[in-house]
Protein backbone atom coordinates (compact mmCIF):
# COMPACT_ATOMS: atom_id res chain seq x y z
CA MET A 1 -30.73 -20.77 -3.43
CA GLY A 2 -30.25 -17.41 -5.51
CA ILE A 3 -27.90 -16.07 -2.95
CA SER A 4 -26.21 -18.82 -2.41
CA ASN A 5 -24.91 -18.45 -6.36
CA PHE A 6 -24.75 -15.45 -5.65
CA LYS A 7 -22.15 -15.80 -2.78
CA SER A 8 -20.30 -18.54 -5.25
CA GLN A 9 -19.96 -16.75 -8.26
CA SER A 10 -18.34 -13.56 -6.00
CA PHE A 11 -16.12 -15.65 -4.04
CA VAL A 12 -15.10 -17.66 -7.51
CA THR A 13 -14.61 -13.89 -8.72
CA ARG A 14 -12.46 -12.41 -5.95
CA VAL A 15 -10.25 -15.36 -6.46
CA VAL A 16 -9.37 -15.52 -9.81
CA SER A 17 -9.02 -11.75 -9.85
CA GLY A 18 -6.69 -12.11 -6.77
CA ALA A 19 -4.57 -14.78 -8.41
CA ILE A 20 -4.33 -12.68 -12.01
CA LEU A 21 -3.10 -9.92 -9.84
CA ALA A 22 -0.44 -11.83 -8.19
CA VAL A 23 0.69 -13.22 -11.22
CA VAL A 24 0.70 -9.32 -12.68
CA THR A 25 2.50 -7.84 -9.41
CA ILE A 26 5.25 -11.19 -9.84
CA GLY A 27 6.05 -10.44 -13.43
CA VAL A 28 6.29 -6.37 -12.81
CA LEU A 29 8.67 -7.08 -9.62
CA LEU A 30 10.88 -9.72 -11.61
CA ALA A 31 11.08 -7.27 -14.41
CA GLY A 32 12.10 -4.52 -12.51
CA ASP A 33 13.55 -1.50 -13.51
CA TRP A 34 11.10 0.86 -16.18
CA ILE A 35 8.46 -1.84 -16.26
CA THR A 36 8.40 -2.05 -12.34
CA TYR A 37 9.09 2.27 -12.25
CA GLY A 38 5.90 2.64 -15.10
CA ALA A 39 3.70 0.03 -12.83
CA ILE A 40 4.24 1.84 -9.81
CA LEU A 41 3.66 5.79 -11.12
CA ALA A 42 0.06 4.47 -12.41
CA VAL A 43 -0.97 2.56 -9.83
CA SER A 44 -0.24 5.72 -8.06
CA LEU A 45 -2.10 8.04 -10.05
CA ILE A 46 -4.84 5.46 -10.46
CA GLY A 47 -4.83 5.20 -6.11
CA MET A 48 -4.29 9.03 -5.94
CA PHE A 49 -7.45 9.38 -8.50
CA GLU A 50 -9.51 7.17 -5.99
CA LEU A 51 -8.97 9.28 -2.96
CA TYR A 52 -9.37 12.20 -4.24
CA ARG A 53 -12.70 11.03 -5.97
CA VAL A 54 -13.35 10.55 -2.20
CA PHE A 55 -12.92 13.93 -1.21
CA ASN A 56 -14.42 14.81 -4.84
CA ILE A 57 -11.48 17.04 -6.29
CA GLN A 58 -10.27 13.89 -8.79
CA ASN A 59 -11.06 15.88 -11.74
CA ARG A 60 -10.46 19.78 -9.79
CA ILE A 61 -7.29 21.64 -10.58
CA VAL A 62 -6.00 20.99 -6.94
CA GLY A 63 -6.51 17.68 -7.54
CA TRP A 64 -4.50 17.82 -11.18
CA ILE A 65 -1.79 19.48 -9.40
CA GLY A 66 -1.36 16.70 -7.22
CA TYR A 67 -0.92 14.27 -10.52
CA GLY A 68 1.86 16.93 -11.75
CA ALA A 69 3.92 16.57 -8.83
CA ALA A 70 3.34 12.66 -8.51
CA VAL A 71 5.30 12.55 -12.01
CA LEU A 72 7.61 15.01 -11.15
CA TYR A 73 8.25 13.42 -8.05
CA PHE A 74 8.94 10.25 -9.84
CA PHE A 75 10.90 12.12 -12.22
CA LEU A 76 13.10 13.07 -9.38
CA LEU A 77 13.52 9.71 -8.36
CA ARG A 78 15.27 8.32 -11.97
CA SER A 79 17.58 11.18 -11.83
CA ASP A 80 20.13 12.76 -9.85
CA LEU A 81 18.22 15.44 -8.38
CA GLU A 82 16.41 13.32 -5.01
CA GLU A 83 17.39 16.49 -3.20
CA PHE A 84 15.01 18.29 -5.04
CA ILE A 85 11.44 16.56 -3.29
CA MET A 86 11.11 18.63 -0.44
CA LEU A 87 11.13 21.71 -2.87
CA LEU A 88 8.45 19.68 -4.76
CA LEU A 89 6.62 19.39 -1.67
CA VAL A 90 6.59 22.91 -0.42
CA LEU A 91 5.98 23.90 -4.47
CA LEU A 92 2.45 21.53 -3.94
CA VAL A 93 1.39 23.43 -0.82
CA ILE A 94 2.13 27.09 -2.67
CA GLY A 95 0.12 25.48 -5.49
CA VAL A 96 -2.77 24.63 -3.87
CA MET A 97 -3.00 27.00 -1.56
CA ALA A 98 -2.61 29.91 -4.47
CA VAL A 99 -5.16 28.12 -5.99
CA TYR A 100 -7.27 28.09 -2.43
CA VAL A 101 -6.81 31.84 -2.32
CA PHE A 102 -7.28 33.35 -5.34
CA THR A 103 -10.60 30.94 -6.28
CA PHE A 104 -11.97 31.69 -2.91
CA PRO A 105 -14.60 30.62 -1.52
CA LYS A 106 -15.22 27.41 -4.32
CA TYR A 107 -13.09 24.85 -2.20
CA GLU A 108 -13.65 23.31 0.99
CA THR A 109 -10.28 23.56 3.46
CA ILE A 110 -10.45 19.36 3.55
CA GLU A 111 -10.09 19.44 -0.28
CA VAL A 112 -7.09 21.60 -0.90
CA PHE A 113 -5.66 19.41 2.27
CA ALA A 114 -6.60 16.47 0.81
CA ALA A 115 -4.28 17.39 -2.45
CA VAL A 116 -1.31 17.30 -0.76
CA PHE A 117 -2.18 14.47 1.69
CA GLY A 118 -2.68 12.22 -1.81
CA TRP A 119 -0.09 12.73 -2.86
CA LEU A 120 2.78 11.54 0.00
CA TYR A 121 0.02 8.66 1.31
CA VAL A 122 -0.10 7.51 -2.55
CA ALA A 123 2.22 8.48 -4.43
CA VAL A 124 5.50 9.14 -2.74
CA MET A 125 4.62 6.11 -0.06
CA MET A 126 3.89 3.22 -2.36
CA SER A 127 6.94 4.47 -4.45
CA TYR A 128 9.24 2.69 -1.81
CA VAL A 129 8.27 -0.57 -3.49
CA TYR A 130 9.98 0.92 -7.11
CA LEU A 131 12.74 2.01 -4.24
CA ILE A 132 12.82 -1.03 -2.71
CA ARG A 133 13.28 -3.14 -5.69
CA ILE A 134 16.17 -1.30 -7.15
CA SER A 135 18.01 -1.17 -3.96
CA GLU A 136 20.89 -3.95 -3.00
CA GLY A 137 19.40 -7.34 -2.90
CA GLY A 138 16.21 -5.59 -4.20
CA ILE A 139 15.08 -8.84 -5.91
CA TYR A 140 14.96 -10.79 -2.71
CA THR A 141 13.96 -8.18 -0.36
CA ILE A 142 10.60 -6.86 -2.49
CA TRP A 143 9.08 -9.86 -1.27
CA LEU A 144 8.68 -8.93 1.87
CA VAL A 145 6.01 -5.93 1.31
CA PHE A 146 3.64 -8.77 0.40
CA LEU A 147 4.50 -11.26 2.59
CA CYS A 148 3.87 -8.75 5.38
CA SER A 149 0.92 -7.18 3.95
CA TRP A 150 -1.37 -9.57 1.48
CA VAL A 151 0.45 -12.84 3.20
CA CYS A 152 -0.66 -11.39 6.64
CA ASP A 153 -4.02 -10.50 5.58
CA THR A 154 -4.36 -13.95 4.63
CA PHE A 155 -3.46 -15.89 7.78
CA ALA A 156 -5.20 -13.28 9.72
CA TYR A 157 -8.14 -14.36 7.95
CA LEU A 158 -7.69 -17.82 8.67
CA ALA A 159 -6.96 -17.32 11.78
CA GLY A 160 -10.38 -15.09 12.74
CA MET A 161 -12.35 -17.95 10.71
CA ALA A 162 -10.87 -20.37 13.41
CA ILE A 163 -10.18 -19.16 16.87
CA GLY A 164 -11.74 -15.52 16.27
CA LYS A 165 -13.51 -14.19 19.41
CA HIS A 166 -11.59 -10.78 20.62
CA LYS A 167 -12.91 -7.84 19.03
CA MET A 168 -10.21 -5.75 17.30
CA SER A 169 -11.80 -3.08 16.63
CA PRO A 170 -15.39 -3.70 16.75
CA ILE A 171 -16.55 -0.24 15.32
CA LEU A 172 -14.50 0.31 12.48
CA SER A 173 -14.06 -3.55 11.21
CA PRO A 174 -16.23 -5.55 12.98
CA LYS A 175 -15.25 -8.58 11.31
CA LYS A 176 -11.48 -8.06 13.00
CA THR A 177 -10.53 -10.28 15.79
CA ILE A 178 -6.89 -10.21 18.09
CA GLU A 179 -6.77 -13.56 17.34
CA GLY A 180 -6.51 -12.83 13.56
CA ALA A 181 -4.27 -10.47 14.46
CA VAL A 182 -1.52 -12.50 15.73
CA GLY A 183 -2.54 -15.33 13.51
CA GLY A 184 -1.55 -12.85 11.04
CA VAL A 185 1.78 -11.72 12.58
CA ALA A 186 3.48 -15.27 13.55
CA GLY A 187 2.15 -16.54 9.49
CA SER A 188 4.28 -13.87 8.60
CA ALA A 189 6.72 -14.54 11.08
CA LEU A 190 6.65 -18.29 10.63
CA LEU A 191 7.13 -17.39 6.38
CA GLY A 192 9.88 -14.71 6.92
CA VAL A 193 11.98 -17.48 8.61
CA ILE A 194 11.90 -20.19 6.33
CA TYR A 195 12.39 -17.49 3.51
CA ALA A 196 15.66 -16.54 5.29
CA VAL A 197 16.63 -19.59 5.72
CA CYS A 198 15.86 -20.83 2.22
CA LEU A 199 17.61 -17.57 -0.03
CA GLN A 200 20.22 -17.04 3.00
CA ASP A 201 23.25 -17.31 0.72
CA TYR A 202 21.54 -14.29 -1.74
CA LEU A 203 20.77 -12.32 1.03
CA ASP A 204 24.65 -12.15 2.42
CA PHE A 205 24.22 -8.07 2.36
CA LEU A 206 22.61 -8.20 5.40
CA SER A 207 24.13 -8.41 8.55
CA ASN A 208 22.21 -11.50 9.89
CA PRO A 209 19.08 -12.41 7.15
CA ILE A 210 17.90 -15.00 9.53
CA ILE A 211 17.16 -12.76 12.52
CA MET A 212 16.44 -9.37 10.84
CA ILE A 213 13.67 -10.78 7.90
CA PRO A 214 11.20 -12.60 10.90
CA VAL A 215 12.03 -9.03 12.34
CA ILE A 216 10.91 -7.16 9.52
CA CYS A 217 7.71 -9.48 8.68
CA VAL A 218 6.96 -8.77 12.52
CA CYS A 219 6.89 -5.11 12.16
CA GLY A 220 5.52 -4.61 8.22
CA SER A 221 2.59 -6.73 9.65
CA LEU A 222 2.07 -5.25 12.68
CA ILE A 223 1.83 -1.94 10.69
CA SER A 224 -0.14 -3.41 7.82
CA MET A 225 -3.06 -3.64 10.15
CA VAL A 226 -3.09 -0.11 10.45
CA GLY A 227 -3.05 0.23 6.94
CA ASP A 228 -5.73 -1.57 6.36
CA LEU A 229 -7.96 -0.17 8.99
CA ALA A 230 -6.90 3.34 7.90
CA ALA A 231 -7.97 2.93 4.30
CA SER A 232 -11.33 1.30 6.26
CA ALA A 233 -12.22 4.16 8.69
CA ILE A 234 -11.69 7.08 5.61
CA LYS A 235 -14.43 4.80 3.59
CA ARG A 236 -16.50 4.59 7.08
CA LYS A 237 -16.46 8.22 7.03
CA HIS A 238 -17.14 8.69 3.66
CA GLU A 239 -20.12 6.23 3.30
CA ILE A 240 -18.56 4.40 0.36
CA LYS A 241 -18.07 0.52 0.52
CA ASP A 242 -14.87 0.58 -1.87
CA TYR A 243 -12.43 3.18 -4.12
CA GLY A 244 -12.98 1.50 -7.23
CA THR A 245 -14.19 -1.65 -9.71
CA LEU A 246 -10.93 -1.60 -10.89
CA ILE A 247 -10.29 -5.02 -9.36
CA PRO A 248 -13.37 -6.98 -9.73
CA GLY A 249 -14.15 -9.18 -6.11
CA HIS A 250 -11.51 -6.61 -4.46
CA GLY A 251 -12.44 -2.98 -5.12
CA GLY A 252 -9.88 -0.37 -6.25
CA ILE A 253 -5.98 -0.02 -6.11
CA LEU A 254 -6.44 1.27 -2.87
CA ASP A 255 -8.39 -1.02 -1.64
CA ARG A 256 -6.00 -3.91 -2.53
CA PHE A 257 -2.70 -1.90 -1.23
CA ASP A 258 -3.87 -0.01 1.93
CA SER A 259 -1.76 -2.13 3.19
CA VAL A 260 1.27 -2.40 0.96
CA ILE A 261 0.95 1.67 1.11
CA ILE A 262 1.61 2.11 4.72
CA THR A 263 4.64 -1.22 4.65
CA ALA A 264 7.05 -0.68 1.73
CA PRO A 265 8.38 2.40 3.36
CA ILE A 266 9.13 0.68 7.19
CA ILE A 267 10.54 -2.01 5.05
CA TYR A 268 12.37 0.25 3.40
CA TYR A 269 13.89 2.19 5.97
CA LEU A 270 14.84 -1.52 8.28
CA LEU A 271 16.43 -2.78 5.58
CA THR A 272 18.64 0.35 5.17
CA LEU A 273 19.65 0.48 8.84
CA ASN A 274 20.70 -3.27 8.82
CA LEU A 275 20.75 -2.80 12.69
CA PHE A 276 20.28 -7.15 13.12
């Protein structure tokens, strides 16, 4: 009875915190401009801290160089100096390598690599949520990121519970099934069609939204599963359950936004190419 009550309370906590997160996310994205910008920067820094903690560099010099590079990167996004982003990457690499050699053998090689990887994986890739929001029609297309990640995850869970039999990644994530994955992609594509039909008058900047939105949903959903499994692989490899405790019942920022991080850049470029 005690275990049953605990599971029930955990489920309620997860649902409530998930609903609050969804409401806050919707509000932030609807607000746009500086609010979206500031929120994505904050989420990126927290996510970097969580990832850096896995490698024990969250409060070390190479970690602080990574945080500084993230802030500078977001500054460049709001300026007319976007062409210097590649220079920033070069300086970041030089900076952490300088610390590595002048404090040798204080840092392990993997810790130095993790500082650069964390900046690229979290800050840069997360920034595409902001970039989609400020692009043409961003108020309508930004929701595709979450349709391809959070909604896909929900459909995959339901399909897996109902008909899941064949394990998709038995060692890494035993509960995920091929049937669940198919259900997640199909569910996202179906909602993409409905979304495109309902909002096609507002999506006239796309060549053929009725085709393009579902195609984006399929591609984004497939990529989102890679993001989810990749984040799980890092946790499994380093023997941790969650990246953090910021979101009750869900874990940390990376636990909830792992699929968003990897999906947003793909959706941004698919929208930019506007092929269909």
